[in-house]
Amino acid sequence: MKNLRSFFLMLLALLMVGTSTVQAQTTTETTTTKKPWSKTAKGGIIGGLGGAAAGGVLGRVIGGKSGTAKGAIIGAAVGGAGGALIGRRMDKQAAELKKEMAGAKVERVGEGIKITFDSGLLFAKNSAALTSAAQENIKELAQTLIKYGDTNVIVEGHTDNTGTDAINDPLSQRRAQAVANYTQQQGVDASRFTVTGYGSKQPIADNSTEAGRIANRRVEVAIFANDKLKKAAEKGTI
C-alpha cells in the first residue's frame, strides 16, 4: 500500500511539472484568482513528495531518451525547503545567463539550469572547432560559473542521424569536450564537469526534415547544485 501511495504521489508531481502553467486558485463567490507557480515552488513540491529518490525517478521519466540533461537536473534535486532555496539561486544565475548569452537557449528546470547551443552557431559543418561567436558565448557562461562556484556541470553533444554512428558518436563527444575545454580555459574548475557525446541517439526533433536535423545538432549544458550547496540548502544557510 505504501509503494502504491508513493507511485501516485510521484505521478502527481510529474503532472505538475509537465504543465506549463501550474496554477493556484483562490475562489470567492464572485471571483477566481489564478497565480502561476514558480519553478522554485515546483521543485519544492517534487522534493516534498519523495526527496532524492523520487527526483531520480522523475528525472528519468521527464528527461527520457530525448532529454538527459533535463533528467540529470531533476534527478539531482534536493526538494523541499532546501530545493526552494537552491531554486532561488538558480533563478538569479539563469537571469544573468539569458541577458549575456544571446546565442543560446537558457531554461530553468527544477533546481537547475539547462542551456542548449545550436551546433550551427558553435561549429562549422563536421568540425569540433569553436567559432568566434561560440567562444564569446562560452566566455559569458564561464564568468557565471565562476561567480556561482557551487554547481556541477554536464556537457552533452548531439548530432542528427545523417551519417553513421562511427562518425556521429566521436564528433558529438569532441564537440561537447570542446565546449567544456574552452569553459575550463576561462578559469572554471575541470573537476566540476562531466562530458558525454550521444551522437544521434537522443533526437529532440524529426530527423526526416531539415528543420528537425538542425534542432538535433546541438550541445546541451546542465547546471545543478553540488553536494556542498545541497547540504547548505538543507541547513538553510544559503
Protein backbone atom coordinates (compact mmCIF):
# COMPACT_ATOMS: atom_id res chain seq x y z
CA MET A 1 0.00 0.00 0.00
CA LYS A 2 2.90 2.32 0.85
CA ASN A 3 4.53 1.68 -2.52
CA LEU A 4 1.25 2.35 -4.31
CA ARG A 5 0.85 5.62 -2.46
CA SER A 6 4.40 6.66 -3.39
CA PHE A 7 3.69 5.87 -7.03
CA PHE A 8 0.62 8.09 -7.12
CA LEU A 9 2.48 10.88 -5.35
CA MET A 10 5.25 10.78 -7.93
CA LEU A 11 2.70 10.67 -10.74
CA LEU A 12 1.03 13.75 -9.31
CA ALA A 13 4.36 15.55 -9.18
CA LEU A 14 5.07 14.64 -12.80
CA LEU A 15 1.75 16.08 -13.90
CA MET A 16 2.55 19.29 -12.03
CA VAL A 17 5.95 19.68 -13.61
CA GLY A 18 4.72 18.85 -17.11
CA THR A 19 2.17 21.63 -17.07
CA SER A 20 3.49 24.93 -18.37
CA THR A 21 1.25 26.95 -16.10
CA VAL A 22 0.53 25.16 -12.87
CA GLN A 23 -1.88 27.43 -11.07
CA ALA A 24 -3.09 28.06 -7.57
CA GLN A 25 -6.70 29.15 -7.34
CA THR A 26 -8.36 31.26 -4.70
CA THR A 27 -12.12 31.29 -5.20
CA THR A 28 -14.79 33.51 -3.69
CA GLU A 29 -18.48 33.64 -4.58
CA THR A 30 -17.85 36.09 -7.42
CA THR A 31 -14.17 35.90 -8.41
CA THR A 32 -11.41 33.37 -9.09
CA THR A 33 -7.77 34.45 -8.87
CA LYS A 34 -5.14 32.32 -10.64
CA LYS A 35 -1.43 32.62 -9.91
CA PRO A 36 1.29 30.76 -11.82
CA TRP A 37 3.62 28.67 -9.68
CA SER A 38 7.32 29.44 -9.91
CA LYS A 39 9.86 26.79 -10.89
CA THR A 40 11.19 27.14 -7.34
CA ALA A 41 7.82 26.12 -5.92
CA LYS A 42 7.53 23.19 -8.31
CA GLY A 43 10.94 21.95 -7.17
CA GLY A 44 9.82 22.14 -3.58
CA ILE A 45 6.73 20.05 -4.33
CA ILE A 46 8.75 17.33 -6.07
CA GLY A 47 11.14 17.06 -3.15
CA GLY A 48 8.37 17.12 -0.59
CA LEU A 49 6.67 14.18 -2.31
CA GLY A 50 9.68 11.93 -2.41
CA GLY A 51 13.06 13.59 -1.89
CA ALA A 52 16.09 12.48 -3.85
CA ALA A 53 14.70 9.03 -4.71
CA ALA A 54 11.55 10.44 -6.29
CA GLY A 55 13.68 13.07 -8.03
CA GLY A 56 15.73 10.35 -9.67
CA VAL A 57 12.63 8.52 -10.91
CA LEU A 58 11.01 11.69 -12.18
CA GLY A 59 14.25 12.72 -13.82
CA ARG A 60 14.34 9.58 -15.91
CA VAL A 61 10.64 9.88 -16.80
CA ILE A 62 10.73 13.56 -17.70
CA GLY A 63 14.14 13.53 -19.36
CA GLY A 64 13.75 10.24 -21.22
CA LYS A 65 15.87 9.48 -24.25
CA SER A 66 15.32 12.98 -25.63
CA GLY A 67 16.46 14.94 -22.62
CA THR A 68 19.18 13.51 -20.40
CA ALA A 69 20.34 16.98 -19.34
CA LYS A 70 16.88 17.76 -18.02
CA GLY A 71 16.66 14.35 -16.40
CA ALA A 72 20.04 14.82 -14.71
CA ILE A 73 18.94 18.12 -13.19
CA ILE A 74 15.67 16.73 -11.85
CA GLY A 75 17.33 13.53 -10.66
CA ALA A 76 19.82 15.57 -8.59
CA ALA A 77 17.09 17.60 -6.87
CA VAL A 78 17.03 18.08 -3.11
CA GLY A 79 13.42 19.20 -2.97
CA GLY A 80 11.52 20.66 -0.04
CA ALA A 81 12.68 23.89 1.59
CA GLY A 82 16.29 23.26 0.57
CA GLY A 83 15.25 22.84 -3.03
CA ALA A 84 13.34 26.10 -2.90
CA LEU A 85 16.46 27.93 -1.70
CA ILE A 86 18.55 26.37 -4.48
CA GLY A 87 15.84 27.31 -6.97
CA ARG A 88 16.04 30.98 -5.99
CA ARG A 89 19.79 30.97 -6.50
CA MET A 90 19.35 29.31 -9.90
CA ASP A 91 16.76 31.95 -10.83
CA LYS A 92 19.47 34.60 -10.42
CA GLN A 93 22.01 32.65 -12.46
CA ALA A 94 19.56 31.94 -15.26
CA ALA A 95 18.55 35.61 -15.47
CA GLU A 96 22.21 36.61 -15.85
CA LEU A 97 22.85 33.94 -18.48
CA LYS A 98 19.78 34.91 -20.52
CA LYS A 99 20.95 38.52 -20.51
CA GLU A 100 24.51 37.75 -21.58
CA MET A 101 24.21 34.69 -23.86
CA ALA A 102 22.36 35.77 -26.98
CA GLY A 103 23.42 32.67 -28.92
CA ALA A 104 21.95 30.06 -26.59
CA LYS A 105 18.61 28.94 -25.16
CA VAL A 106 18.61 29.18 -21.35
CA GLU A 107 15.89 27.35 -19.41
CA ARG A 108 15.18 26.94 -15.72
CA VAL A 109 14.49 23.27 -14.95
CA GLY A 110 13.64 22.12 -11.43
CA GLU A 111 16.57 23.11 -9.23
CA GLY A 112 18.95 23.76 -12.10
CA ILE A 113 19.57 25.36 -15.48
CA LYS A 114 19.61 23.81 -18.93
CA ILE A 115 21.43 25.57 -21.78
CA THR A 116 21.07 24.49 -25.40
CA PHE A 117 23.56 25.60 -28.05
CA ASP A 118 22.69 25.14 -31.71
CA SER A 119 25.71 23.34 -33.17
CA GLY A 120 25.40 25.52 -36.27
CA LEU A 121 26.32 28.50 -34.11
CA LEU A 122 29.15 26.68 -32.34
CA PHE A 123 30.90 24.79 -35.12
CA ALA A 124 31.41 24.60 -38.85
CA LYS A 125 29.98 21.52 -40.58
CA ASN A 126 31.67 18.26 -39.46
CA SER A 127 34.02 20.28 -37.24
CA ALA A 128 34.60 20.44 -33.49
CA ALA A 129 36.49 23.76 -33.67
CA LEU A 130 34.56 26.54 -31.90
CA THR A 131 33.57 29.60 -33.90
CA SER A 132 34.44 33.07 -32.58
CA ALA A 133 30.77 33.68 -31.75
CA ALA A 134 30.69 30.44 -29.78
CA GLN A 135 33.74 31.45 -27.81
CA GLU A 136 32.10 34.72 -26.78
CA ASN A 137 29.02 32.89 -25.52
CA ILE A 138 31.08 30.35 -23.62
CA LYS A 139 33.12 33.13 -22.01
CA GLU A 140 29.88 34.53 -20.60
CA LEU A 141 28.92 31.07 -19.36
CA ALA A 142 32.32 30.68 -17.70
CA GLN A 143 32.01 34.00 -15.87
CA THR A 144 28.69 32.95 -14.38
CA LEU A 145 30.04 29.51 -13.41
CA ILE A 146 32.97 31.19 -11.65
CA LYS A 147 30.66 33.60 -9.84
CA TYR A 148 28.42 30.75 -8.69
CA GLY A 149 31.06 28.14 -7.94
CA ASP A 150 28.89 25.66 -6.05
CA THR A 151 27.48 23.78 -9.06
CA ASN A 152 28.24 20.73 -11.16
CA VAL A 153 28.14 20.90 -14.95
CA ILE A 154 27.18 18.26 -17.51
CA VAL A 155 28.02 18.92 -21.18
CA GLU A 156 26.38 16.71 -23.82
CA GLY A 157 26.99 16.59 -27.55
CA HIS A 158 24.28 15.51 -30.02
CA THR A 159 24.06 15.10 -33.81
CA ASP A 160 21.37 14.36 -36.36
CA ASN A 161 21.17 10.89 -37.93
CA THR A 162 22.99 11.84 -41.12
CA GLY A 163 26.00 9.56 -41.46
CA THR A 164 26.97 6.60 -39.31
CA ASP A 165 27.46 6.12 -35.59
CA ALA A 166 31.14 5.64 -36.30
CA ILE A 167 31.22 9.30 -37.41
CA ASN A 168 28.50 10.87 -35.24
CA ASP A 169 29.46 9.42 -31.86
CA PRO A 170 33.04 10.70 -31.75
CA LEU A 171 32.02 14.00 -33.38
CA SER A 172 29.42 14.65 -30.67
CA GLN A 173 31.98 13.78 -27.99
CA ARG A 174 34.61 16.11 -29.47
CA ARG A 175 32.10 18.96 -29.69
CA ALA A 176 30.97 18.54 -26.10
CA GLN A 177 34.58 18.34 -25.00
CA ALA A 178 35.44 21.48 -26.96
CA VAL A 179 32.77 23.43 -25.07
CA ALA A 180 33.95 22.04 -21.74
CA ASN A 181 37.62 22.68 -22.53
CA TYR A 182 37.07 26.29 -23.55
CA THR A 183 34.97 26.92 -20.44
CA GLN A 184 37.75 25.50 -18.30
CA GLN A 185 40.32 27.65 -20.09
CA GLN A 186 38.42 30.67 -18.78
CA GLY A 187 39.11 29.54 -15.22
CA VAL A 188 36.31 27.10 -14.36
CA ASP A 189 37.49 24.06 -12.38
CA ALA A 190 37.61 20.96 -14.58
CA SER A 191 36.52 18.75 -11.67
CA ARG A 192 33.01 20.21 -11.95
CA PHE A 193 32.46 18.75 -15.44
CA THR A 194 31.05 15.55 -16.87
CA VAL A 195 31.27 15.36 -20.68
CA THR A 196 29.40 12.88 -22.91
CA GLY A 197 28.70 12.52 -26.64
CA TYR A 198 25.45 10.80 -27.61
CA GLY A 199 25.72 11.01 -31.39
CA SER A 200 22.26 10.73 -32.97
CA LYS A 201 20.76 8.56 -30.21
CA GLN A 202 18.76 11.28 -28.45
CA PRO A 203 16.88 13.38 -31.04
CA ILE A 204 14.54 16.14 -29.91
CA ALA A 205 13.00 16.63 -33.35
CA ASP A 206 12.13 14.73 -36.53
CA ASN A 207 15.27 13.74 -38.43
CA SER A 208 13.27 13.36 -41.63
CA THR A 209 13.07 17.17 -42.00
CA GLU A 210 15.86 19.72 -42.38
CA ALA A 211 14.48 21.78 -39.51
CA GLY A 212 14.45 18.69 -37.32
CA ARG A 213 18.02 17.77 -38.19
CA ILE A 214 19.16 21.30 -37.37
CA ALA A 215 17.47 21.11 -33.97
CA ASN A 216 19.08 17.75 -33.24
CA ARG A 217 22.58 19.08 -33.90
CA ARG A 218 23.19 20.68 -30.53
CA VAL A 219 25.23 20.85 -27.34
CA GLU A 220 23.33 20.83 -24.05
CA VAL A 221 24.68 22.02 -20.70
CA ALA A 222 23.09 21.09 -17.37
CA ILE A 223 23.95 23.13 -14.26
CA PHE A 224 22.85 21.93 -10.84
CA ALA A 225 23.84 22.15 -7.18
CA ASN A 226 26.90 20.27 -5.93
CA ASP A 227 26.95 18.41 -2.61
CA LYS A 228 28.26 21.44 -0.71
CA LEU A 229 25.42 23.65 -1.87
CA LYS A 230 22.85 20.92 -1.24
CA LYS A 231 23.99 20.49 2.35
CA ALA A 232 23.95 24.25 2.94
CA ALA A 233 20.47 24.49 1.44
CA GLU A 234 19.17 21.67 3.62
CA LYS A 235 20.53 23.53 6.68
CA GLY A 236 19.04 26.81 5.42
CA THR A 237 22.43 28.56 5.41
CA ILE A 238 22.49 29.90 1.84
